[in-house]
PDB file of all heavy atoms in Angstrom:
ATOM      1  N   LYS A   1      -7.638   1.117 -22.708  1.00  0.00           N
ATOM      2  CA  LYS A   1      -7.240  -0.217 -22.220  1.00  0.00           C
ATOM      3  C   LYS A   1      -5.737  -0.248 -21.899  1.00  0.00           C
ATOM      4  O   LYS A   1      -5.328  -0.763 -20.864  1.00  0.00           O
ATOM      5  CB  LYS A   1      -7.584  -1.281 -23.252  1.00  0.00           C
ATOM      6  CG  LYS A   1      -7.249  -2.682 -22.791  1.00  0.00           C
ATOM      7  CD  LYS A   1      -7.607  -3.716 -23.825  1.00  0.00           C
ATOM      8  CE  LYS A   1      -7.195  -5.083 -23.326  1.00  0.00           C
ATOM      9  NZ  LYS A   1      -7.434  -6.120 -24.323  1.00  0.00           N
ATOM     10  N   GLU A   2      -4.935   0.324 -22.771  1.00  0.00           N
ATOM     11  CA  GLU A   2      -3.490   0.382 -22.543  1.00  0.00           C
ATOM     12  C   GLU A   2      -3.162   1.231 -21.317  1.00  0.00           C
ATOM     13  O   GLU A   2      -2.249   0.908 -20.560  1.00  0.00           O
ATOM     14  CB  GLU A   2      -2.773   0.945 -23.772  1.00  0.00           C
ATOM     15  CG  GLU A   2      -2.767   0.017 -24.954  1.00  0.00           C
ATOM     16  CD  GLU A   2      -2.232   0.687 -26.209  1.00  0.00           C
ATOM     17  OE1 GLU A   2      -2.096   1.941 -26.239  1.00  0.00           O
ATOM     18  OE2 GLU A   2      -1.951  -0.042 -27.171  1.00  0.00           O
ATOM     19  N   PHE A   3      -3.905   2.317 -21.146  1.00  0.00           N
ATOM     20  CA  PHE A   3      -3.693   3.196 -19.998  1.00  0.00           C
ATOM     21  C   PHE A   3      -3.901   2.429 -18.689  1.00  0.00           C
ATOM     22  O   PHE A   3      -3.074   2.476 -17.786  1.00  0.00           O
ATOM     23  CB  PHE A   3      -4.656   4.392 -20.085  1.00  0.00           C
ATOM     24  CG  PHE A   3      -4.544   5.346 -18.933  1.00  0.00           C
ATOM     25  CD1 PHE A   3      -3.505   6.257 -18.869  1.00  0.00           C
ATOM     26  CD2 PHE A   3      -5.488   5.337 -17.913  1.00  0.00           C
ATOM     27  CE1 PHE A   3      -3.399   7.149 -17.806  1.00  0.00           C
ATOM     28  CE2 PHE A   3      -5.404   6.224 -16.853  1.00  0.00           C
ATOM     29  CZ  PHE A   3      -4.355   7.133 -16.804  1.00  0.00           C
ATOM     30  N   PHE A   4      -5.028   1.704 -18.593  1.00  0.00           N
ATOM     31  CA  PHE A   4      -5.317   0.948 -17.383  1.00  0.00           C
ATOM     32  C   PHE A   4      -4.366  -0.226 -17.197  1.00  0.00           C
ATOM     33  O   PHE A   4      -3.949  -0.522 -16.078  1.00  0.00           O
ATOM     34  CB  PHE A   4      -6.778   0.473 -17.370  1.00  0.00           C
ATOM     35  CG  PHE A   4      -7.736   1.562 -17.017  1.00  0.00           C
ATOM     36  CD1 PHE A   4      -8.449   2.226 -18.000  1.00  0.00           C
ATOM     37  CD2 PHE A   4      -7.919   1.949 -15.697  1.00  0.00           C
ATOM     38  CE1 PHE A   4      -9.330   3.247 -17.679  1.00  0.00           C
ATOM     39  CE2 PHE A   4      -8.790   2.979 -15.361  1.00  0.00           C
ATOM     40  CZ  PHE A   4      -9.503   3.626 -16.359  1.00  0.00           C
ATOM     41  N   THR A   5      -3.981  -0.881 -18.280  1.00  0.00           N
ATOM     42  CA  THR A   5      -3.023  -1.984 -18.206  1.00  0.00           C
ATOM     43  C   THR A   5      -1.669  -1.472 -17.719  1.00  0.00           C
ATOM     44  O   THR A   5      -1.031  -2.094 -16.862  1.00  0.00           O
ATOM     45  CB  THR A   5      -2.867  -2.664 -19.587  1.00  0.00           C
ATOM     46  OG1 THR A   5      -4.145  -3.142 -20.003  1.00  0.00           O
ATOM     47  CG2 THR A   5      -1.884  -3.820 -19.523  1.00  0.00           C
ATOM     48  N   ASP A   6      -1.243  -0.345 -18.251  1.00  0.00           N
ATOM     49  CA  ASP A   6       0.024   0.259 -17.837  1.00  0.00           C
ATOM     50  C   ASP A   6      -0.028   0.690 -16.363  1.00  0.00           C
ATOM     51  O   ASP A   6       0.938   0.511 -15.617  1.00  0.00           O
ATOM     52  CB  ASP A   6       0.343   1.451 -18.743  1.00  0.00           C
ATOM     53  CG  ASP A   6       1.798   1.858 -18.677  1.00  0.00           C
ATOM     54  OD1 ASP A   6       2.659   0.978 -18.477  1.00  0.00           O
ATOM     55  OD2 ASP A   6       2.072   3.069 -18.815  1.00  0.00           O
ATOM     56  N   ALA A   7      -1.171   1.243 -15.944  1.00  0.00           N
ATOM     57  CA  ALA A   7      -1.330   1.642 -14.540  1.00  0.00           C
ATOM     58  C   ALA A   7      -1.243   0.419 -13.634  1.00  0.00           C
ATOM     59  O   ALA A   7      -0.605   0.455 -12.581  1.00  0.00           O
ATOM     60  CB  ALA A   7      -2.663   2.366 -14.344  1.00  0.00           C
ATOM     61  N   TRP A   8      -1.884  -0.670 -14.045  1.00  0.00           N
ATOM     62  CA  TRP A   8      -1.852  -1.900 -13.231  1.00  0.00           C
ATOM     63  C   TRP A   8      -0.423  -2.428 -13.117  1.00  0.00           C
ATOM     64  O   TRP A   8       0.014  -2.838 -12.054  1.00  0.00           O
ATOM     65  CB  TRP A   8      -2.794  -2.954 -13.831  1.00  0.00           C
ATOM     66  CG  TRP A   8      -2.830  -4.189 -13.008  1.00  0.00           C
ATOM     67  CD1 TRP A   8      -2.249  -5.391 -13.298  1.00  0.00           C
ATOM     68  CD2 TRP A   8      -3.440  -4.352 -11.726  1.00  0.00           C
ATOM     69  NE1 TRP A   8      -2.468  -6.275 -12.276  1.00  0.00           N
ATOM     70  CE2 TRP A   8      -3.202  -5.674 -11.304  1.00  0.00           C
ATOM     71  CE3 TRP A   8      -4.168  -3.499 -10.897  1.00  0.00           C
ATOM     72  CZ2 TRP A   8      -3.665  -6.163 -10.091  1.00  0.00           C
ATOM     73  CZ3 TRP A   8      -4.628  -3.992  -9.691  1.00  0.00           C
ATOM     74  CH2 TRP A   8      -4.380  -5.309  -9.299  1.00  0.00           C
ATOM     75  N   ARG A   9       0.335  -2.400 -14.220  1.00  0.00           N
ATOM     76  CA  ARG A   9       1.737  -2.841 -14.187  1.00  0.00           C
ATOM     77  C   ARG A   9       2.563  -1.963 -13.241  1.00  0.00           C
ATOM     78  O   ARG A   9       3.405  -2.452 -12.501  1.00  0.00           O
ATOM     79  CB  ARG A   9       2.350  -2.796 -15.588  1.00  0.00           C
ATOM     80  CG  ARG A   9       2.140  -4.057 -16.362  1.00  0.00           C
ATOM     81  CD  ARG A   9       3.038  -4.087 -17.610  1.00  0.00           C
ATOM     82  NE  ARG A   9       2.198  -4.470 -18.727  1.00  0.00           N
ATOM     83  CZ  ARG A   9       1.831  -3.681 -19.725  1.00  0.00           C
ATOM     84  NH1 ARG A   9       2.265  -2.445 -19.810  1.00  0.00           N
ATOM     85  NH2 ARG A   9       1.056  -4.119 -20.689  1.00  0.00           N
ATOM     86  N   SER A  10       2.312  -0.672 -13.281  1.00  0.00           N
ATOM     87  CA  SER A  10       3.029   0.250 -12.394  1.00  0.00           C
ATOM     88  C   SER A  10       2.683  -0.012 -10.940  1.00  0.00           C
ATOM     89  O   SER A  10       3.553   0.025 -10.068  1.00  0.00           O
ATOM     90  CB  SER A  10       2.691   1.706 -12.754  1.00  0.00           C
ATOM     91  OG  SER A  10       3.128   1.995 -14.056  1.00  0.00           O
ATOM     92  N   LEU A  11       1.426  -0.313 -10.672  1.00  0.00           N
ATOM     93  CA  LEU A  11       1.023  -0.646  -9.305  1.00  0.00           C
ATOM     94  C   LEU A  11       1.725  -1.921  -8.845  1.00  0.00           C
ATOM     95  O   LEU A  11       2.181  -2.001  -7.697  1.00  0.00           O
ATOM     96  CB  LEU A  11      -0.492  -0.804  -9.218  1.00  0.00           C
ATOM     97  CG  LEU A  11      -1.056  -1.160  -7.844  1.00  0.00           C
ATOM     98  CD1 LEU A  11      -0.686  -0.105  -6.802  1.00  0.00           C
ATOM     99  CD2 LEU A  11      -2.578  -1.319  -7.931  1.00  0.00           C
ATOM    100  N   GLN A  12       1.847  -2.889  -9.726  1.00  0.00           N
ATOM    101  CA  GLN A  12       2.544  -4.128  -9.379  1.00  0.00           C
ATOM    102  C   GLN A  12       4.021  -3.853  -9.076  1.00  0.00           C
ATOM    103  O   GLN A  12       4.606  -4.465  -8.187  1.00  0.00           O
ATOM    104  CB  GLN A  12       2.420  -5.149 -10.518  1.00  0.00           C
ATOM    105  CG  GLN A  12       1.017  -5.650 -10.748  1.00  0.00           C
ATOM    106  CD  GLN A  12       0.416  -6.263  -9.504  1.00  0.00           C
ATOM    107  OE1 GLN A  12       0.985  -7.160  -8.900  1.00  0.00           O
ATOM    108  NE2 GLN A  12      -0.736  -5.752  -9.100  1.00  0.00           N
ATOM    109  N   GLU A  13       4.591  -2.907  -9.792  1.00  0.00           N
ATOM    110  CA  GLU A  13       5.986  -2.529  -9.572  1.00  0.00           C
ATOM    111  C   GLU A  13       6.182  -1.907  -8.183  1.00  0.00           C
ATOM    112  O   GLU A  13       7.217  -2.097  -7.547  1.00  0.00           O
ATOM    113  CB  GLU A  13       6.407  -1.538 -10.665  1.00  0.00           C
ATOM    114  CG  GLU A  13       7.871  -1.226 -10.704  1.00  0.00           C
ATOM    115  CD  GLU A  13       8.213  -0.282 -11.854  1.00  0.00           C
ATOM    116  OE1 GLU A  13       7.516  -0.291 -12.896  1.00  0.00           O
ATOM    117  OE2 GLU A  13       9.188   0.477 -11.695  1.00  0.00           O
ATOM    118  N   ALA A  14       5.178  -1.189  -7.722  1.00  0.00           N
ATOM    119  CA  ALA A  14       5.274  -0.485  -6.432  1.00  0.00           C
ATOM    120  C   ALA A  14       4.580  -1.230  -5.298  1.00  0.00           C
ATOM    121  O   ALA A  14       4.488  -0.705  -4.187  1.00  0.00           O
ATOM    122  CB  ALA A  14       4.662   0.904  -6.578  1.00  0.00           C
ATOM    123  N   LYS A  15       4.122  -2.455  -5.531  1.00  0.00           N
ATOM    124  CA  LYS A  15       3.271  -3.144  -4.556  1.00  0.00           C
ATOM    125  C   LYS A  15       3.906  -3.324  -3.184  1.00  0.00           C
ATOM    126  O   LYS A  15       3.207  -3.232  -2.171  1.00  0.00           O
ATOM    127  CB  LYS A  15       2.796  -4.490  -5.098  1.00  0.00           C
ATOM    128  CG  LYS A  15       3.859  -5.541  -5.195  1.00  0.00           C
ATOM    129  CD  LYS A  15       3.310  -6.838  -5.758  1.00  0.00           C
ATOM    130  CE  LYS A  15       4.456  -7.813  -5.901  1.00  0.00           C
ATOM    131  NZ  LYS A  15       4.038  -9.020  -6.581  1.00  0.00           N
ATOM    132  N   ASN A  16       5.207  -3.540  -3.110  1.00  0.00           N
ATOM    133  CA  ASN A  16       5.837  -3.709  -1.793  1.00  0.00           C
ATOM    134  C   ASN A  16       5.748  -2.432  -0.955  1.00  0.00           C
ATOM    135  O   ASN A  16       5.658  -2.484   0.268  1.00  0.00           O
ATOM    136  CB  ASN A  16       7.288  -4.164  -1.933  1.00  0.00           C
ATOM    137  CG  ASN A  16       7.382  -5.590  -2.425  1.00  0.00           C
ATOM    138  OD1 ASN A  16       6.454  -6.384  -2.256  1.00  0.00           O
ATOM    139  ND2 ASN A  16       8.491  -5.925  -3.055  1.00  0.00           N
ATOM    140  N   PHE A  17       5.732  -1.296  -1.620  1.00  0.00           N
ATOM    141  CA  PHE A  17       5.595  -0.022  -0.906  1.00  0.00           C
ATOM    142  C   PHE A  17       4.151   0.200  -0.456  1.00  0.00           C
ATOM    143  O   PHE A  17       3.908   0.815   0.576  1.00  0.00           O
ATOM    144  CB  PHE A  17       6.101   1.126  -1.780  1.00  0.00           C
ATOM    145  CG  PHE A  17       7.589   1.065  -1.999  1.00  0.00           C
ATOM    146  CD1 PHE A  17       8.112   0.372  -3.080  1.00  0.00           C
ATOM    147  CD2 PHE A  17       8.456   1.671  -1.110  1.00  0.00           C
ATOM    148  CE1 PHE A  17       9.479   0.291  -3.275  1.00  0.00           C
ATOM    149  CE2 PHE A  17       9.829   1.594  -1.292  1.00  0.00           C
ATOM    150  CZ  PHE A  17      10.344   0.901  -2.374  1.00  0.00           C
ATOM    151  N   VAL A  18       3.210  -0.316  -1.238  1.00  0.00           N
ATOM    152  CA  VAL A  18       1.801  -0.264  -0.827  1.00  0.00           C
ATOM    153  C   VAL A  18       1.626  -1.153   0.410  1.00  0.00           C
ATOM    154  O   VAL A  18       0.951  -0.760   1.371  1.00  0.00           O
ATOM    155  CB  VAL A  18       0.864  -0.700  -1.975  1.00  0.00           C
ATOM    156  CG1 VAL A  18      -0.588  -0.769  -1.502  1.00  0.00           C
ATOM    157  CG2 VAL A  18       1.007   0.248  -3.169  1.00  0.00           C
ATOM    158  N   TYR A  19       2.242  -2.329   0.393  1.00  0.00           N
ATOM    159  CA  TYR A  19       2.193  -3.211   1.567  1.00  0.00           C
ATOM    160  C   TYR A  19       2.830  -2.537   2.779  1.00  0.00           C
ATOM    161  O   TYR A  19       2.328  -2.647   3.896  1.00  0.00           O
ATOM    162  CB  TYR A  19       2.900  -4.539   1.300  1.00  0.00           C
ATOM    163  CG  TYR A  19       2.274  -5.387   0.222  1.00  0.00           C
ATOM    164  CD1 TYR A  19       3.061  -6.213  -0.569  1.00  0.00           C
ATOM    165  CD2 TYR A  19       0.903  -5.381  -0.027  1.00  0.00           C
ATOM    166  CE1 TYR A  19       2.507  -7.011  -1.560  1.00  0.00           C
ATOM    167  CE2 TYR A  19       0.339  -6.165  -1.018  1.00  0.00           C
ATOM    168  CZ  TYR A  19       1.155  -6.978  -1.781  1.00  0.00           C
ATOM    169  OH  TYR A  19       0.599  -7.766  -2.767  1.00  0.00           O
ATOM    170  N   LEU A  20       3.933  -1.835   2.544  1.00  0.00           N
ATOM    171  CA  LEU A  20       4.595  -1.114   3.632  1.00  0.00           C
ATOM    172  C   LEU A  20       3.669  -0.048   4.205  1.00  0.00           C
ATOM    173  O   LEU A  20       3.564   0.102   5.429  1.00  0.00           O
ATOM    174  CB  LEU A  20       5.897  -0.468   3.135  1.00  0.00           C
ATOM    175  CG  LEU A  20       6.618   0.449   4.123  1.00  0.00           C
ATOM    176  CD1 LEU A  20       7.042  -0.320   5.368  1.00  0.00           C
ATOM    177  CD2 LEU A  20       7.823   1.111   3.444  1.00  0.00           C
ATOM    178  N   SER A  21       2.953   0.672   3.350  1.00  0.00           N
ATOM    179  CA  SER A  21       2.040   1.705   3.849  1.00  0.00           C
ATOM    180  C   SER A  21       0.913   1.073   4.666  1.00  0.00           C
ATOM    181  O   SER A  21       0.504   1.622   5.692  1.00  0.00           O
ATOM    182  CB  SER A  21       1.474   2.542   2.698  1.00  0.00           C
ATOM    183  OG  SER A  21       0.519   1.828   1.951  1.00  0.00           O
ATOM    184  N   ALA A  22       0.427  -0.084   4.236  1.00  0.00           N
ATOM    185  CA  ALA A  22      -0.619  -0.782   4.997  1.00  0.00           C
ATOM    186  C   ALA A  22      -0.079  -1.237   6.350  1.00  0.00           C
ATOM    187  O   ALA A  22      -0.774  -1.147   7.367  1.00  0.00           O
ATOM    188  CB  ALA A  22      -1.151  -1.968   4.200  1.00  0.00           C
ATOM    189  N   LEU A  23       1.168  -1.686   6.367  1.00  0.00           N
ATOM    190  CA  LEU A  23       1.793  -2.093   7.631  1.00  0.00           C
ATOM    191  C   LEU A  23       1.959  -0.896   8.566  1.00  0.00           C
ATOM    192  O   LEU A  23       1.688  -0.995   9.768  1.00  0.00           O
ATOM    193  CB  LEU A  23       3.146  -2.753   7.364  1.00  0.00           C
ATOM    194  CG  LEU A  23       3.928  -3.215   8.589  1.00  0.00           C
ATOM    195  CD1 LEU A  23       3.155  -4.309   9.332  1.00  0.00           C
ATOM    196  CD2 LEU A  23       5.302  -3.717   8.177  1.00  0.00           C
ATOM    197  N   LEU A  24       2.378   0.241   8.033  1.00  0.00           N
ATOM    198  CA  LEU A  24       2.508   1.453   8.851  1.00  0.00           C
ATOM    199  C   LEU A  24       1.147   1.859   9.414  1.00  0.00           C
ATOM    200  O   LEU A  24       1.038   2.259  10.576  1.00  0.00           O
ATOM    201  CB  LEU A  24       3.098   2.603   8.024  1.00  0.00           C
ATOM    202  CG  LEU A  24       4.557   2.452   7.601  1.00  0.00           C
ATOM    203  CD1 LEU A  24       4.955   3.558   6.627  1.00  0.00           C
ATOM    204  CD2 LEU A  24       5.469   2.433   8.810  1.00  0.00           C
ATOM    205  N   PHE A  25       0.102   1.750   8.588  1.00  0.00           N
ATOM    206  CA  PHE A  25      -1.251   2.064   9.026  1.00  0.00           C
ATOM    207  C   PHE A  25      -1.668   1.126  10.172  1.00  0.00           C
ATOM    208  O   PHE A  25      -2.198   1.574  11.190  1.00  0.00           O
ATOM    209  CB  PHE A  25      -2.216   1.950   7.841  1.00  0.00           C
ATOM    210  CG  PHE A  25      -3.648   2.239   8.178  1.00  0.00           C
ATOM    211  CD1 PHE A  25      -4.067   3.535   8.451  1.00  0.00           C
ATOM    212  CD2 PHE A  25      -4.590   1.226   8.205  1.00  0.00           C
ATOM    213  CE1 PHE A  25      -5.399   3.810   8.749  1.00  0.00           C
ATOM    214  CE2 PHE A  25      -5.918   1.485   8.503  1.00  0.00           C
ATOM    215  CZ  PHE A  25      -6.323   2.782   8.775  1.00  0.00           C
ATOM    216  N   LEU A  26      -1.420  -0.171  10.005  1.00  0.00           N
ATOM    217  CA  LEU A  26      -1.765  -1.145  11.057  1.00  0.00           C
ATOM    218  C   LEU A  26      -0.985  -0.883  12.342  1.00  0.00           C
ATOM    219  O   LEU A  26      -1.553  -0.973  13.444  1.00  0.00           O
ATOM    220  CB  LEU A  26      -1.513  -2.569  10.565  1.00  0.00           C
ATOM    221  CG  LEU A  26      -2.482  -3.081   9.505  1.00  0.00           C
ATOM    222  CD1 LEU A  26      -2.032  -4.438   8.971  1.00  0.00           C
ATOM    223  CD2 LEU A  26      -3.898  -3.155  10.042  1.00  0.00           C
ATOM    224  N   CYS A  27       0.287  -0.545  12.217  1.00  0.00           N
ATOM    225  CA  CYS A  27       1.082  -0.202  13.405  1.00  0.00           C
ATOM    226  C   CYS A  27       0.493   1.028  14.090  1.00  0.00           C
ATOM    227  O   CYS A  27       0.437   1.093  15.325  1.00  0.00           O
ATOM    228  CB  CYS A  27       2.544   0.047  13.019  1.00  0.00           C
ATOM    229  SG  CYS A  27       3.437  -1.435  12.556  1.00  0.00           S
ATOM    230  N   GLY A  28       0.059   1.987  13.295  1.00  0.00           N
ATOM    231  CA  GLY A  28      -0.582   3.176  13.853  1.00  0.00           C
ATOM    232  C   GLY A  28      -1.856   2.821  14.603  1.00  0.00           C
ATOM    233  O   GLY A  28      -2.125   3.371  15.680  1.00  0.00           O
ATOM    234  N   ILE A  29      -2.646   1.895  14.064  1.00  0.00           N
ATOM    235  CA  ILE A  29      -3.881   1.462  14.739  1.00  0.00           C
ATOM    236  C   ILE A  29      -3.554   0.885  16.100  1.00  0.00           C
ATOM    237  O   ILE A  29      -4.173   1.249  17.114  1.00  0.00           O
ATOM    238  CB  ILE A  29      -4.656   0.428  13.885  1.00  0.00           C
ATOM    239  CG1 ILE A  29      -5.238   1.093  12.646  1.00  0.00           C
ATOM    240  CG2 ILE A  29      -5.775  -0.219  14.713  1.00  0.00           C
ATOM    241  CD1 ILE A  29      -5.867   0.116  11.658  1.00  0.00           C
ATOM    242  N   VAL A  30      -2.573  -0.004  16.148  1.00  0.00           N
ATOM    243  CA  VAL A  30      -2.178  -0.620  17.421  1.00  0.00           C
ATOM    244  C   VAL A  30      -1.712   0.457  18.387  1.00  0.00           C
ATOM    245  O   VAL A  30      -2.106   0.473  19.555  1.00  0.00           O
ATOM    246  CB  VAL A  30      -1.084  -1.694  17.199  1.00  0.00           C
ATOM    247  CG1 VAL A  30      -0.501  -2.168  18.514  1.00  0.00           C
ATOM    248  CG2 VAL A  30      -1.643  -2.854  16.396  1.00  0.00           C
ATOM    249  N   PHE A  31      -0.896   1.357  17.896  1.00  0.00           N
ATOM    250  CA  PHE A  31      -0.382   2.448  18.734  1.00  0.00           C
ATOM    251  C   PHE A  31      -1.537   3.301  19.273  1.00  0.00           C
ATOM    252  O   PHE A  31      -1.559   3.671  20.446  1.00  0.00           O
ATOM    253  CB  PHE A  31       0.596   3.295  17.904  1.00  0.00           C
ATOM    254  CG  PHE A  31       1.586   4.045  18.716  1.00  0.00           C
ATOM    255  CD1 PHE A  31       2.626   3.402  19.370  1.00  0.00           C
ATOM    256  CD2 PHE A  31       1.495   5.420  18.827  1.00  0.00           C
ATOM    257  CE1 PHE A  31       3.550   4.111  20.115  1.00  0.00           C
ATOM    258  CE2 PHE A  31       2.413   6.148  19.570  1.00  0.00           C
ATOM    259  CZ  PHE A  31       3.443   5.481  20.220  1.00  0.00           C
ATOM    260  N   GLY A  32      -2.512   3.613  18.407  1.00  0.00           N
ATOM    261  CA  GLY A  32      -3.671   4.400  18.821  1.00  0.00           C
ATOM    262  C   GLY A  32      -4.529   3.686  19.844  1.00  0.00           C
ATOM    263  O   GLY A  32      -5.067   4.305  20.760  1.00  0.00           O
ATOM    264  N   LEU A  33      -4.659   2.368  19.704  1.00  0.00           N
ATOM    265  CA  LEU A  33      -5.438   1.584  20.665  1.00  0.00           C
ATOM    266  C   LEU A  33      -4.742   1.506  22.021  1.00  0.00           C
ATOM    267  O   LEU A  33      -5.381   1.591  23.062  1.00  0.00           O
ATOM    268  CB  LEU A  33      -5.676   0.163  20.131  1.00  0.00           C
ATOM    269  CG  LEU A  33      -6.724   0.024  19.033  1.00  0.00           C
ATOM    270  CD1 LEU A  33      -6.650  -1.356  18.393  1.00  0.00           C
ATOM    271  CD2 LEU A  33      -8.112   0.293  19.573  1.00  0.00           C
ATOM    272  N   VAL A  34      -3.423   1.347  21.989  1.00  0.00           N
ATOM    273  CA  VAL A  34      -2.655   1.189  23.229  1.00  0.00           C
ATOM    274  C   VAL A  34      -2.485   2.517  23.957  1.00  0.00           C
ATOM    275  O   VAL A  34      -2.581   2.580  25.181  1.00  0.00           O
ATOM    276  CB  VAL A  34      -1.279   0.545  22.935  1.00  0.00           C
ATOM    277  CG1 VAL A  34      -0.402   0.533  24.168  1.00  0.00           C
ATOM    278  CG2 VAL A  34      -1.463  -0.877  22.396  1.00  0.00           C
ATOM    279  N   PHE A  35      -2.250   3.577  23.223  1.00  0.00           N
ATOM    280  CA  PHE A  35      -1.965   4.879  23.834  1.00  0.00           C
ATOM    281  C   PHE A  35      -3.062   5.898  23.528  1.00  0.00           C
ATOM    282  O   PHE A  35      -2.778   7.059  23.212  1.00  0.00           O
ATOM    283  CB  PHE A  35      -0.613   5.406  23.347  1.00  0.00           C
ATOM    284  CG  PHE A  35       0.539   4.507  23.684  1.00  0.00           C
ATOM    285  CD1 PHE A  35       1.122   3.712  22.703  1.00  0.00           C
ATOM    286  CD2 PHE A  35       1.024   4.440  24.977  1.00  0.00           C
ATOM    287  CE1 PHE A  35       2.183   2.875  23.012  1.00  0.00           C
ATOM    288  CE2 PHE A  35       2.081   3.595  25.293  1.00  0.00           C
ATOM    289  CZ  PHE A  35       2.662   2.810  24.305  1.00  0.00           C
TER     290      PHE A  35
END
């Protein structure tokens, strides 16, 4: 339980970078569709 709780806290700490990766992925999709 502590392991998963600690992992979740760490994910929350890095969440803006996860959002950034999703944004890069979405930009790639648009780029792939256009070109």
